[in-house]
Amino acid sequence: MKMMFLSTSQATVILLSHSLLSFSTAMYTLTTNKIILLEFCFYNFNSVTITLPILINWTTALFSAIVCYISASVMIFTKNYMSQDIFIKRFTWIVMLFVLSMNLLIFIPSLATLLLGWDGLGLVSFCLVIYYQNYKSLGAGLMTAFMNRIGDVAILLAISVTFSQGHFNALFMWSTPTMTLTISMILLAGMTKSAQLPFCSWLPAAMAAPTPVSALVHSSTLVTAGVFLLIQFYPFLSNSHLFSTSLMIISSMTMVMAGISANFETDLKKIIALSTLSQLGVMMLSVSLGLFSLALFHLFTHAMFKALLFLCAGNIIHSHNNNQDIRKMSHLWIQMPFSSTCFNIANLALCGFPFMAGFYSKDVIIEMMMFNQNNFLISLNMFLATILTASYSARLSLFIFWSKMTQSSVVSTSDEDNSIIAPLTMLAAGAITSGAVFSWLILTPSTLPLISMMNKLMATFATLTGAAITYKLFKLELKISHSIINNFFFNMWFMINLSNNMTSKSSLYTGLYTFKSLDLGWMETIGGEGLLNKIMTLTTINQKNQSNLFNLFISLTLLSMLFISVTMWFT
């Protein structure tokens, strides 16, 4: 049967239509304060019911609208970026399946049927990461799949433990004797999907995928699935004090680790991936502090400016003959003014510059953290992560826009194509206005904390400090010394080695030695090859004996006569 092909233009129309419908639904449910729950019963056995619930409220509808809006922008960008790819329609289908899986995850609050979207994201993301079909892509895809399988197993264990409740709906879960185990499994699943320590190495490795995939996967879909899972199940998860404590420690460490590693990285896409990892730590920290509404707010604003960052980076990489090393890029503000402007808008929003999208969410998170008087080390990590965010953002802009000329003279850069300008304009508008719009929609009316002016300006001061330090110490280095400290920070606190070489190399070497010593050694000698050689030897002897039958018969006659004579002599 011939497959129905779907062009990027058709996919864009479908996604924009769904985004508009979801946004209208979100406004309706928000203004009327309504929640719509549709539940389809699939299977009922004794007291356990397997259902497919669909939850429609302003949270799920608005998240779906943002995902489809960003996906539509990515599909417009794909039309130019992958115009030479002969399999672009297959790529379009895979991306649409990815968006469908994300929407299933958003609208289904049941732990059992949630697997439709959860496993769909894992499977389709593997297909997208290995899209270029080379060894690097395959390695990154396998790392992504194996890391996410840990979370899948945790979800399955949580489902099996929750059977005692008779249902799996996140809205109606209650405390049970096995509650701690269920919470631990859901937390583990969220950490693996959102790449928290120690499951963080797959996120930069997944940059082997095409840039449109990176813009979609690492802004509003795959990596935010873990955060959204914890937000959705937060009323149940908050029953355990271990949940908040453990998540707070892990997320704060992830923020700092990602920020330091981004300042040592030279790959453009990996720097943006590490910034995503840092912002995921901010969202997880917000959830651990009980600020799950602010975490959702930051998730929405982050999706806008991070997708814009990836698309600008993709255009820059495409113009540099697929080179991703920022040390070979410079003076792009003259050659690519529109992309440079959009890139810096996204960078300012990422840093939390006043009145940009990230300012409204990030600033409130820091203010609430200071107002609630949390642990000093956790607060210190938050401010350090804010400084590091401004630091690597300023470093990135200085490298590729205002440093001395380093790229080849034959590079031809341009951003005049309409299929590039349109999605960048759409997302730049979101990066500028989404913070204020979502603040009016989500946080109003609300009572803001009353804190001193010094505490109020601490977040802005930390951002300006990080940018100023980078500007003062900025130096274009074409070589990086491979000291132990540099390798420690460059390799994400050796998380890459721990999750890859250290865990897999020993088992691979053991398998190789076992194969050589047993399968190619004793087992082969005793088994297949040894048995074959023995049969061949016996066959050769038999053939020699049967080659001259007269001599054989004479020999047998003489032996028989000798045997009879000896027997008669002794009897």
Protein backbone atom coordinates (compact mmCIF):
# COMPACT_ATOMS: atom_id res chain seq x y z
CA MET A 1 0.00 0.00 0.00
CA LYS A 2 1.34 3.37 -1.02
CA MET A 3 2.12 5.64 1.91
CA MET A 4 0.36 9.03 2.03
CA PHE A 5 3.05 11.69 2.04
CA LEU A 6 2.79 14.87 4.09
CA SER A 7 4.61 18.02 3.02
CA THR A 8 6.07 20.55 5.45
CA SER A 9 3.47 23.14 4.36
CA GLN A 10 0.58 20.80 5.13
CA ALA A 11 2.13 19.90 8.49
CA THR A 12 2.52 23.61 9.31
CA VAL A 13 -1.17 24.31 8.58
CA ILE A 14 -2.26 21.35 10.75
CA LEU A 15 -0.03 22.40 13.64
CA LEU A 16 -1.03 26.08 13.55
CA SER A 17 -4.72 25.13 13.43
CA HIS A 18 -4.32 22.84 16.44
CA SER A 19 -2.34 25.53 18.27
CA LEU A 20 -5.10 28.10 17.70
CA LEU A 21 -7.78 25.63 18.82
CA SER A 22 -5.83 24.68 21.96
CA PHE A 23 -5.17 28.33 22.84
CA SER A 24 -8.88 29.13 22.49
CA THR A 25 -9.70 26.15 24.72
CA ALA A 26 -7.14 27.32 27.27
CA MET A 27 -8.65 30.81 27.37
CA TYR A 28 -12.16 29.36 27.76
CA THR A 29 -11.22 27.02 30.63
CA LEU A 30 -9.12 29.75 32.30
CA THR A 31 -11.83 32.42 32.23
CA THR A 32 -14.66 30.06 33.22
CA ASN A 33 -12.49 28.13 35.73
CA LYS A 34 -13.63 24.80 34.27
CA ILE A 35 -11.93 21.40 34.04
CA ILE A 36 -13.12 18.85 31.48
CA LEU A 37 -12.37 15.18 32.20
CA LEU A 38 -13.31 12.58 29.57
CA GLU A 39 -12.76 8.96 30.60
CA PHE A 40 -13.02 5.88 28.35
CA CYS A 41 -13.07 2.50 30.08
CA PHE A 42 -11.00 -0.17 28.31
CA TYR A 43 -10.77 -3.02 30.80
CA ASN A 44 -12.35 -3.84 34.14
CA PHE A 45 -11.21 -6.78 36.26
CA ASN A 46 -12.43 -7.12 39.85
CA SER A 47 -11.50 -3.79 41.46
CA VAL A 48 -8.91 -2.64 38.87
CA THR A 49 -10.09 -0.45 35.98
CA ILE A 50 -7.91 0.43 33.00
CA THR A 51 -9.19 3.68 31.50
CA LEU A 52 -8.08 6.35 29.03
CA PRO A 53 -8.78 9.68 30.73
CA ILE A 54 -8.36 12.94 28.80
CA LEU A 55 -7.89 16.00 31.00
CA ILE A 56 -8.63 19.38 29.40
CA ASN A 57 -7.89 22.45 31.52
CA TRP A 58 -5.98 25.66 30.93
CA THR A 59 -2.64 24.02 31.80
CA THR A 60 -2.84 21.13 29.33
CA ALA A 61 -4.49 23.19 26.58
CA LEU A 62 -1.95 26.03 26.84
CA PHE A 63 0.99 23.62 26.90
CA SER A 64 -0.36 21.84 23.81
CA ALA A 65 -0.81 25.21 22.05
CA ILE A 66 2.82 26.15 22.77
CA VAL A 67 4.13 22.76 21.58
CA CYS A 68 2.19 22.98 18.30
CA TYR A 69 3.16 26.65 17.77
CA ILE A 70 6.86 25.83 18.14
CA SER A 71 6.45 22.70 15.98
CA ALA A 72 4.85 24.80 13.22
CA SER A 73 7.78 27.24 13.36
CA VAL A 74 10.20 24.31 13.16
CA MET A 75 8.39 22.85 10.14
CA ILE A 76 8.61 26.20 8.30
CA PHE A 77 12.33 26.31 9.09
CA THR A 78 12.73 22.70 7.91
CA LYS A 79 11.48 23.63 4.44
CA ASN A 80 14.73 25.55 3.81
CA TYR A 81 17.13 23.80 6.17
CA MET A 82 16.47 20.28 4.80
CA SER A 83 15.44 21.20 1.26
CA GLN A 84 18.15 18.96 -0.23
CA ASP A 85 17.09 15.91 1.80
CA ILE A 86 15.31 13.40 -0.45
CA PHE A 87 13.55 11.89 2.60
CA ILE A 88 12.12 15.17 3.93
CA LYS A 89 8.54 13.85 3.79
CA ARG A 90 9.50 10.85 5.91
CA PHE A 91 11.18 13.26 8.32
CA THR A 92 7.94 15.28 8.44
CA TRP A 93 5.94 12.19 9.37
CA ILE A 94 8.35 11.30 12.17
CA VAL A 95 8.17 14.84 13.59
CA MET A 96 4.36 14.73 13.48
CA LEU A 97 4.42 11.42 15.36
CA PHE A 98 6.68 13.07 17.92
CA VAL A 99 4.22 15.94 18.38
CA LEU A 100 1.33 13.45 18.68
CA SER A 101 3.19 11.52 21.40
CA MET A 102 3.82 14.75 23.32
CA ASN A 103 0.15 15.72 23.12
CA LEU A 104 -0.87 12.28 24.41
CA LEU A 105 1.49 12.77 27.35
CA ILE A 106 0.03 16.23 28.05
CA PHE A 107 -3.66 15.32 27.99
CA ILE A 108 -3.55 11.88 29.70
CA PRO A 109 -3.27 12.09 33.53
CA SER A 110 -3.37 8.31 34.09
CA LEU A 111 -0.16 6.55 34.99
CA ALA A 112 -1.02 3.42 32.95
CA THR A 113 -2.23 4.96 29.69
CA LEU A 114 0.38 7.70 30.04
CA LEU A 115 2.78 5.15 28.52
CA LEU A 116 1.22 5.81 25.09
CA GLY A 117 2.86 9.22 25.02
CA TRP A 118 5.82 8.42 27.27
CA ASP A 119 7.08 5.43 25.28
CA GLY A 120 6.11 7.12 22.02
CA LEU A 121 8.45 10.00 22.85
CA GLY A 122 11.30 7.62 23.61
CA LEU A 123 10.86 5.55 20.46
CA VAL A 124 10.36 8.44 18.03
CA SER A 125 13.21 10.46 19.59
CA PHE A 126 15.53 7.51 18.91
CA CYS A 127 14.44 7.51 15.25
CA LEU A 128 15.07 11.27 15.02
CA VAL A 129 18.50 11.19 16.69
CA ILE A 130 19.77 8.43 14.35
CA TYR A 131 18.22 10.17 11.31
CA TYR A 132 21.60 10.91 9.68
CA GLN A 133 22.54 7.19 9.87
CA ASN A 134 26.20 7.34 10.88
CA TYR A 135 28.11 5.88 13.81
CA LYS A 136 28.02 9.11 15.82
CA SER A 137 24.25 9.39 15.43
CA LEU A 138 23.79 5.71 16.28
CA GLY A 139 25.87 6.04 19.45
CA ALA A 140 23.94 9.14 20.54
CA GLY A 141 20.62 7.46 19.73
CA LEU A 142 21.47 4.35 21.74
CA MET A 143 22.60 6.47 24.70
CA THR A 144 19.33 8.43 24.54
CA ALA A 145 17.26 5.26 24.28
CA PHE A 146 19.04 3.40 27.10
CA MET A 147 18.87 6.37 29.50
CA ASN A 148 15.16 6.81 28.80
CA ARG A 149 14.51 3.10 29.22
CA ILE A 150 15.49 3.48 32.88
CA GLY A 151 12.62 5.93 33.27
CA ASP A 152 10.29 3.62 31.33
CA VAL A 153 11.07 0.77 33.71
CA ALA A 154 10.46 3.10 36.67
CA ILE A 155 7.03 4.02 35.25
CA LEU A 156 6.17 0.32 34.83
CA LEU A 157 7.20 -0.40 38.43
CA ALA A 158 5.09 2.55 39.64
CA ILE A 159 2.12 1.15 37.69
CA SER A 160 2.55 -2.29 39.23
CA VAL A 161 2.75 -0.85 42.75
CA THR A 162 -0.30 1.39 42.16
CA PHE A 163 -2.50 -1.62 41.27
CA SER A 164 -3.56 -1.78 44.92
CA GLN A 165 -5.43 1.52 44.54
CA GLY A 166 -7.62 0.17 41.73
CA HIS A 167 -6.97 3.16 39.45
CA PHE A 168 -4.02 5.14 38.05
CA ASN A 169 -5.44 8.66 37.77
CA ALA A 170 -3.10 11.38 39.04
CA LEU A 171 -6.03 13.49 40.23
CA PHE A 172 -7.28 10.97 42.79
CA MET A 173 -4.22 9.22 44.25
CA TRP A 174 -4.00 8.80 48.00
CA SER A 175 -1.48 7.65 50.60
CA THR A 176 -0.77 3.92 50.76
CA PRO A 177 1.85 1.77 52.55
CA THR A 178 3.77 1.54 49.25
CA MET A 179 3.51 5.29 48.60
CA THR A 180 7.25 5.93 49.07
CA LEU A 181 8.19 3.35 46.44
CA THR A 182 5.69 4.77 43.95
CA ILE A 183 6.94 8.32 44.52
CA SER A 184 10.57 7.18 44.12
CA MET A 185 9.78 5.52 40.79
CA ILE A 186 7.90 8.54 39.42
CA LEU A 187 10.76 10.80 40.55
CA LEU A 188 13.31 8.52 38.84
CA ALA A 189 11.27 8.59 35.63
CA GLY A 190 11.09 12.39 35.68
CA MET A 191 14.83 12.73 36.33
CA THR A 192 15.82 10.45 33.44
CA LYS A 193 13.50 12.19 30.95
CA SER A 194 14.61 15.67 32.02
CA ALA A 195 18.31 14.67 32.16
CA GLN A 196 19.07 15.42 35.81
CA LEU A 197 22.22 14.12 37.50
CA PRO A 198 23.43 11.43 37.00
CA PHE A 199 21.35 10.85 33.81
CA CYS A 200 22.45 14.05 32.07
CA SER A 201 24.96 12.85 29.48
CA TRP A 202 22.41 11.88 26.84
CA LEU A 203 21.17 15.45 26.36
CA PRO A 204 24.33 16.94 24.72
CA ALA A 205 24.88 13.67 22.83
CA ALA A 206 21.41 13.96 21.25
CA MET A 207 22.72 17.00 19.36
CA ALA A 208 23.67 14.53 16.61
CA ALA A 209 20.07 14.93 15.41
CA PRO A 210 19.14 17.52 12.74
CA THR A 211 18.85 21.07 14.12
CA PRO A 212 15.03 21.27 13.66
CA VAL A 213 14.80 18.17 15.87
CA SER A 214 17.02 19.81 18.49
CA ALA A 215 14.82 22.93 18.43
CA LEU A 216 11.75 20.80 19.06
CA VAL A 217 13.13 18.09 21.38
CA HIS A 218 15.23 20.33 23.62
CA SER A 219 12.84 23.24 23.99
CA SER A 220 9.27 22.12 24.60
CA THR A 221 8.87 18.36 24.20
CA LEU A 222 11.10 15.48 25.28
CA VAL A 223 13.19 17.15 28.00
CA THR A 224 10.20 18.96 29.52
CA ALA A 225 8.18 15.72 29.73
CA GLY A 226 9.85 14.79 33.03
CA VAL A 227 9.16 18.22 34.56
CA PHE A 228 5.54 18.12 33.41
CA LEU A 229 5.13 14.60 34.85
CA LEU A 230 6.27 15.79 38.28
CA ILE A 231 4.03 18.89 38.07
CA GLN A 232 1.03 16.74 37.11
CA PHE A 233 1.57 14.29 39.98
CA TYR A 234 2.77 16.94 42.49
CA PRO A 235 -0.23 16.71 44.88
CA PHE A 236 0.58 13.01 45.35
CA LEU A 237 4.39 13.37 45.27
CA SER A 238 4.40 16.10 47.92
CA ASN A 239 3.20 13.60 50.53
CA SER A 240 6.80 12.40 50.90
CA HIS A 241 9.37 14.77 52.39
CA LEU A 242 12.15 12.80 50.69
CA PHE A 243 10.80 13.87 47.30
CA SER A 244 11.41 17.58 47.88
CA THR A 245 14.77 17.14 49.62
CA SER A 246 16.32 14.77 47.08
CA LEU A 247 15.00 16.70 44.07
CA MET A 248 16.25 19.99 45.53
CA ILE A 249 19.81 18.70 45.98
CA ILE A 250 20.00 16.99 42.58
CA SER A 251 18.49 19.88 40.61
CA SER A 252 20.76 22.49 42.23
CA MET A 253 23.83 20.39 41.41
CA THR A 254 22.60 19.94 37.82
CA MET A 255 22.23 23.71 37.37
CA VAL A 256 25.79 24.43 38.45
CA MET A 257 27.31 21.50 36.55
CA ALA A 258 25.60 22.48 33.28
CA GLY A 259 26.56 26.14 33.67
CA ILE A 260 30.24 25.37 34.25
CA SER A 261 30.38 22.85 31.38
CA ALA A 262 28.76 25.34 28.99
CA ASN A 263 31.56 27.83 29.71
CA PHE A 264 34.13 25.21 28.63
CA GLU A 265 32.27 23.91 25.55
CA THR A 266 33.08 25.03 21.99
CA ASP A 267 30.31 23.22 20.08
CA LEU A 268 27.47 25.68 19.36
CA LYS A 269 24.61 23.20 19.67
CA LYS A 270 26.08 21.56 22.79
CA ILE A 271 26.34 24.94 24.53
CA ILE A 272 22.64 25.54 23.92
CA ALA A 273 21.88 21.96 25.04
CA LEU A 274 23.79 22.55 28.28
CA SER A 275 21.85 25.79 28.81
CA THR A 276 18.67 23.71 28.44
CA LEU A 277 20.03 21.37 31.10
CA SER A 278 20.65 24.32 33.41
CA GLN A 279 17.11 25.66 32.92
CA LEU A 280 15.66 22.21 33.54
CA GLY A 281 17.48 22.32 36.86
CA VAL A 282 15.76 25.65 37.61
CA MET A 283 12.35 24.10 36.86
CA MET A 284 13.08 21.03 38.99
CA LEU A 285 14.27 23.24 41.84
CA SER A 286 11.02 25.20 41.62
CA VAL A 287 9.02 21.98 41.85
CA SER A 288 11.05 20.84 44.87
CA LEU A 289 10.32 24.18 46.61
CA GLY A 290 6.58 23.73 46.03
CA LEU A 291 6.48 26.44 43.33
CA PHE A 292 5.06 24.12 40.68
CA SER A 293 2.98 26.91 39.06
CA LEU A 294 6.12 29.00 38.60
CA ALA A 295 7.94 25.93 37.24
CA LEU A 296 5.18 25.55 34.64
CA PHE A 297 5.41 29.27 33.88
CA HIS A 298 9.18 29.02 33.31
CA LEU A 299 8.64 25.88 31.21
CA PHE A 300 6.34 27.86 28.86
CA THR A 301 8.63 30.88 28.49
CA HIS A 302 11.76 28.73 28.18
CA ALA A 303 10.19 26.79 25.29
CA MET A 304 9.84 30.00 23.26
CA PHE A 305 13.32 31.46 23.56
CA LYS A 306 15.13 28.11 23.50
CA ALA A 307 13.46 27.08 20.22
CA LEU A 308 14.51 30.48 18.83
CA LEU A 309 18.10 29.89 19.97
CA PHE A 310 18.26 26.52 18.25
CA LEU A 311 16.79 27.79 14.97
CA CYS A 312 19.24 30.72 14.88
CA ALA A 313 22.08 28.33 15.63
CA GLY A 314 20.88 26.00 12.86
CA ASN A 315 20.89 28.84 10.35
CA ILE A 316 24.41 29.85 11.42
CA ILE A 317 25.67 26.25 11.19
CA HIS A 318 23.99 25.80 7.79
CA SER A 319 25.75 28.95 6.50
CA HIS A 320 29.13 27.70 7.74
CA ASN A 321 29.06 24.42 5.77
CA ASN A 322 27.78 22.48 8.82
CA ASN A 323 30.61 23.64 11.07
CA GLN A 324 29.55 23.84 14.74
CA ASP A 325 32.81 25.09 16.31
CA ILE A 326 32.28 28.62 17.65
CA ARG A 327 36.03 29.29 17.38
CA LYS A 328 35.58 29.35 13.59
CA MET A 329 32.71 31.86 13.62
CA SER A 330 32.93 35.63 13.97
CA HIS A 331 31.54 38.99 12.80
CA LEU A 332 28.16 37.46 12.02
CA TRP A 333 26.33 40.61 13.12
CA ILE A 334 27.45 42.16 9.80
CA GLN A 335 26.83 39.12 7.60
CA MET A 336 23.61 37.83 9.22
CA PRO A 337 21.94 40.81 10.94
CA PHE A 338 18.47 39.29 11.32
CA SER A 339 19.67 35.96 12.74
CA SER A 340 22.12 37.81 15.00
CA THR A 341 19.34 40.04 16.36
CA CYS A 342 17.04 37.09 17.05
CA PHE A 343 19.91 35.13 18.64
CA ASN A 344 20.71 37.98 21.02
CA ILE A 345 17.01 38.43 21.87
CA ALA A 346 16.87 34.74 22.86
CA ASN A 347 20.12 35.08 24.81
CA LEU A 348 18.79 38.07 26.76
CA ALA A 349 15.57 36.18 27.53
CA LEU A 350 17.65 33.20 28.71
CA CYS A 351 19.67 35.39 31.07
CA GLY A 352 16.50 36.94 32.53
CA PHE A 353 17.14 40.43 31.19
CA PRO A 354 14.43 42.85 32.42
CA PHE A 355 11.13 42.68 30.54
CA MET A 356 12.15 39.76 28.32
CA ALA A 357 10.33 36.41 28.56
CA GLY A 358 12.74 34.75 30.98
CA PHE A 359 12.70 37.73 33.36
CA TYR A 360 9.07 37.27 34.40
CA SER A 361 9.45 33.60 35.35
CA LYS A 362 13.06 33.38 36.54
CA ASP A 363 12.91 36.54 38.63
CA VAL A 364 9.77 35.44 40.48
CA ILE A 365 11.31 32.01 41.19
CA ILE A 366 14.40 33.62 42.75
CA GLU A 367 12.29 36.11 44.72
CA MET A 368 10.06 33.36 46.12
CA MET A 369 13.12 31.28 46.98
CA MET A 370 14.56 34.19 48.96
CA PHE A 371 11.18 34.98 50.55
CA ASN A 372 10.74 31.38 51.77
CA GLN A 373 14.20 31.42 53.43
CA ASN A 374 15.58 28.19 52.02
CA ASN A 375 18.87 26.47 52.68
CA PHE A 376 21.86 28.78 52.14
CA LEU A 377 23.76 26.37 49.89
CA ILE A 378 20.71 25.84 47.66
CA SER A 379 20.23 29.60 47.34
CA LEU A 380 23.95 30.03 46.64
CA ASN A 381 23.76 27.42 43.88
CA MET A 382 20.80 29.24 42.34
CA PHE A 383 22.66 32.56 42.21
CA LEU A 384 25.81 30.82 40.95
CA ALA A 385 23.77 29.19 38.18
CA THR A 386 22.31 32.61 37.27
CA ILE A 387 25.82 34.09 37.03
CA LEU A 388 27.01 31.15 34.92
CA THR A 389 24.00 31.49 32.61
CA ALA A 390 24.88 35.11 31.88
CA SER A 391 28.53 34.11 31.56
CA TYR A 392 28.16 31.46 28.87
CA SER A 393 25.51 33.52 27.03
CA ALA A 394 27.85 36.52 26.85
CA ARG A 395 30.77 34.27 25.89
CA LEU A 396 28.73 32.74 23.06
CA SER A 397 27.67 36.12 21.67
CA LEU A 398 31.21 37.51 21.90
CA PHE A 399 32.61 34.50 20.08
CA ILE A 400 30.29 34.39 17.10
CA PHE A 401 29.27 38.05 16.67
CA TRP A 402 32.03 40.40 17.82
CA SER A 403 35.33 38.51 17.86
CA LYS A 404 38.07 38.80 15.24
CA MET A 405 37.65 37.08 11.87
CA THR A 406 38.53 33.38 12.05
CA GLN A 407 36.31 31.63 9.51
CA SER A 408 37.25 30.71 5.97
CA SER A 409 36.95 33.44 3.33
CA VAL A 410 34.86 31.16 1.09
CA VAL A 411 31.99 30.94 3.60
CA SER A 412 28.87 32.64 2.25
CA THR A 413 26.40 33.62 4.99
CA SER A 414 22.90 34.97 4.47
CA ASP A 415 19.53 34.95 6.20
CA GLU A 416 17.34 36.40 3.45
CA ASP A 417 15.15 33.33 2.88
CA ASN A 418 11.52 33.82 3.90
CA SER A 419 11.30 30.28 5.31
CA ILE A 420 14.01 31.34 7.78
CA ILE A 421 12.77 34.84 8.56
CA ALA A 422 9.15 33.72 9.23
CA PRO A 423 9.83 31.15 12.02
CA LEU A 424 12.48 33.36 13.63
CA THR A 425 9.99 36.26 13.69
CA MET A 426 7.28 34.05 15.19
CA LEU A 427 9.53 32.79 17.97
CA ALA A 428 11.21 36.18 18.57
CA ALA A 429 7.78 37.65 19.24
CA GLY A 430 7.21 34.85 21.76
CA ALA A 431 10.63 35.39 23.36
CA ILE A 432 9.81 39.08 23.91
CA THR A 433 6.11 39.04 24.84
CA SER A 434 5.34 35.54 26.19
CA GLY A 435 6.67 36.34 29.67
CA ALA A 436 4.36 39.32 30.14
CA VAL A 437 1.37 37.59 28.51
CA PHE A 438 1.69 34.40 30.57
CA SER A 439 2.29 36.48 33.70
CA TRP A 440 -1.02 38.27 33.16
CA LEU A 441 -2.82 35.01 32.36
CA ILE A 442 -1.31 32.67 34.96
CA LEU A 443 -0.16 34.78 37.91
CA THR A 444 -2.86 37.48 37.93
CA PRO A 445 -4.42 38.07 40.38
CA SER A 446 -1.75 37.06 42.88
CA THR A 447 -0.07 38.43 45.97
CA LEU A 448 3.60 39.04 45.33
CA PRO A 449 6.07 38.71 48.22
CA LEU A 450 7.19 41.90 49.91
CA ILE A 451 10.99 41.88 49.96
CA SER A 452 13.60 44.59 50.24
CA MET A 453 14.90 46.46 47.19
CA MET A 454 18.31 44.81 47.60
CA ASN A 455 16.81 41.33 47.45
CA LYS A 456 14.61 42.42 44.57
CA LEU A 457 17.62 43.42 42.50
CA MET A 458 19.76 40.40 43.41
CA ALA A 459 18.76 38.38 40.33
CA THR A 460 19.45 41.27 37.93
CA PHE A 461 22.73 42.02 39.70
CA ALA A 462 23.81 38.35 39.38
CA THR A 463 23.02 38.43 35.65
CA LEU A 464 24.99 41.64 35.06
CA THR A 465 27.89 40.32 37.17
CA GLY A 466 28.19 37.16 35.08
CA ALA A 467 28.10 39.10 31.81
CA ALA A 468 30.64 41.68 33.08
CA ILE A 469 33.10 39.03 34.27
CA THR A 470 32.94 37.25 30.91
CA TYR A 471 33.39 40.52 28.99
CA LYS A 472 36.41 41.42 31.12
CA LEU A 473 38.06 38.00 30.93
CA PHE A 474 37.01 37.14 27.38
CA LYS A 475 39.79 35.62 25.30
CA LEU A 476 39.56 33.74 22.02
CA GLU A 477 41.49 30.50 22.55
CA LEU A 478 41.92 28.11 19.67
CA LYS A 479 43.38 25.45 21.97
CA ILE A 480 42.21 24.20 25.35
CA SER A 481 44.73 22.68 27.76
CA HIS A 482 43.74 19.15 28.74
CA SER A 483 44.39 19.34 32.47
CA ILE A 484 42.43 17.25 34.95
CA ILE A 485 40.34 20.25 36.04
CA ASN A 486 39.51 21.25 32.48
CA ASN A 487 38.56 17.67 31.61
CA PHE A 488 36.45 17.46 34.77
CA PHE A 489 34.40 20.52 33.82
CA PHE A 490 34.44 19.86 30.07
CA ASN A 491 33.09 16.30 30.50
CA MET A 492 30.20 17.35 32.77
CA TRP A 493 31.93 16.23 35.98
CA PHE A 494 32.93 12.99 34.19
CA MET A 495 29.25 12.08 33.81
CA ILE A 496 29.91 11.25 30.15
CA ASN A 497 32.58 8.73 31.14
CA LEU A 498 30.54 7.33 34.01
CA SER A 499 27.46 6.73 31.89
CA ASN A 500 29.31 5.44 28.83
CA ASN A 501 32.84 4.11 29.04
CA MET A 502 32.95 3.17 32.71
CA THR A 503 29.70 1.20 32.62
CA SER A 504 29.94 -0.29 29.14
CA LYS A 505 33.67 -0.80 28.50
CA SER A 506 34.14 -3.51 31.15
CA SER A 507 31.15 -5.52 29.93
CA LEU A 508 32.21 -5.12 26.29
CA TYR A 509 35.76 -6.28 27.07
CA THR A 510 34.41 -9.20 29.10
CA GLY A 511 32.23 -10.19 26.18
CA LEU A 512 35.17 -9.92 23.77
CA TYR A 513 37.46 -12.08 25.94
CA THR A 514 34.68 -14.62 26.47
CA PHE A 515 34.07 -14.76 22.73
CA LYS A 516 37.78 -15.26 21.98
CA SER A 517 38.47 -17.82 24.72
CA LEU A 518 35.27 -19.86 24.50
CA ASP A 519 33.54 -19.38 21.17
CA LEU A 520 36.79 -19.14 19.19
CA GLY A 521 38.77 -21.31 21.63
CA TRP A 522 37.81 -24.30 23.77
CA MET A 523 34.18 -24.43 22.70
CA GLU A 524 35.26 -24.46 19.07
CA THR A 525 37.92 -27.11 19.70
CA ILE A 526 35.62 -29.37 21.71
CA GLY A 527 32.49 -28.54 19.79
CA GLY A 528 31.99 -27.54 16.17
CA GLU A 529 35.45 -27.48 14.60
CA GLY A 530 36.91 -30.26 16.80
CA LEU A 531 34.01 -32.61 16.07
CA LEU A 532 34.27 -31.85 12.35
CA ASN A 533 38.02 -32.61 12.32
CA LYS A 534 37.48 -35.90 14.19
CA ILE A 535 34.76 -37.03 11.79
CA MET A 536 36.95 -36.08 8.82
CA THR A 537 39.88 -38.10 10.23
CA LEU A 538 37.74 -41.20 10.80
CA THR A 539 36.20 -40.79 7.37
CA THR A 540 39.66 -40.61 5.75
CA ILE A 541 40.76 -43.80 7.54
CA ASN A 542 37.59 -45.56 6.47
CA GLN A 543 38.10 -44.49 2.87
CA LYS A 544 41.67 -45.81 2.90
CA ASN A 545 40.50 -49.16 4.25
CA GLN A 546 37.84 -49.45 1.59
CA SER A 547 40.09 -48.45 -1.33
CA ASN A 548 41.49 -52.08 -1.87
CA LEU A 549 38.93 -54.76 -0.83
CA PHE A 550 41.15 -57.78 -1.89
CA ASN A 551 43.91 -56.86 0.56
CA LEU A 552 41.28 -56.25 3.23
CA PHE A 553 39.72 -59.69 2.76
CA ILE A 554 43.13 -61.48 2.77
CA SER A 555 44.05 -59.62 5.97
CA LEU A 556 40.77 -60.54 7.66
CA THR A 557 41.18 -64.23 6.56
CA LEU A 558 44.70 -64.47 7.95
CA LEU A 559 43.64 -62.79 11.21
CA SER A 560 40.72 -65.18 11.55
CA MET A 561 42.91 -68.26 10.93
CA LEU A 562 45.46 -67.00 13.43
CA PHE A 563 42.76 -66.41 16.03
CA ILE A 564 41.29 -69.95 15.49
CA SER A 565 44.73 -71.59 15.69
CA VAL A 566 45.62 -69.84 18.94
CA THR A 567 42.23 -70.71 20.42
CA MET A 568 42.58 -74.46 19.51
CA TRP A 569 46.16 -74.59 20.83
CA PHE A 570 45.15 -73.41 24.27
CA THR A 571 42.06 -75.60 24.44
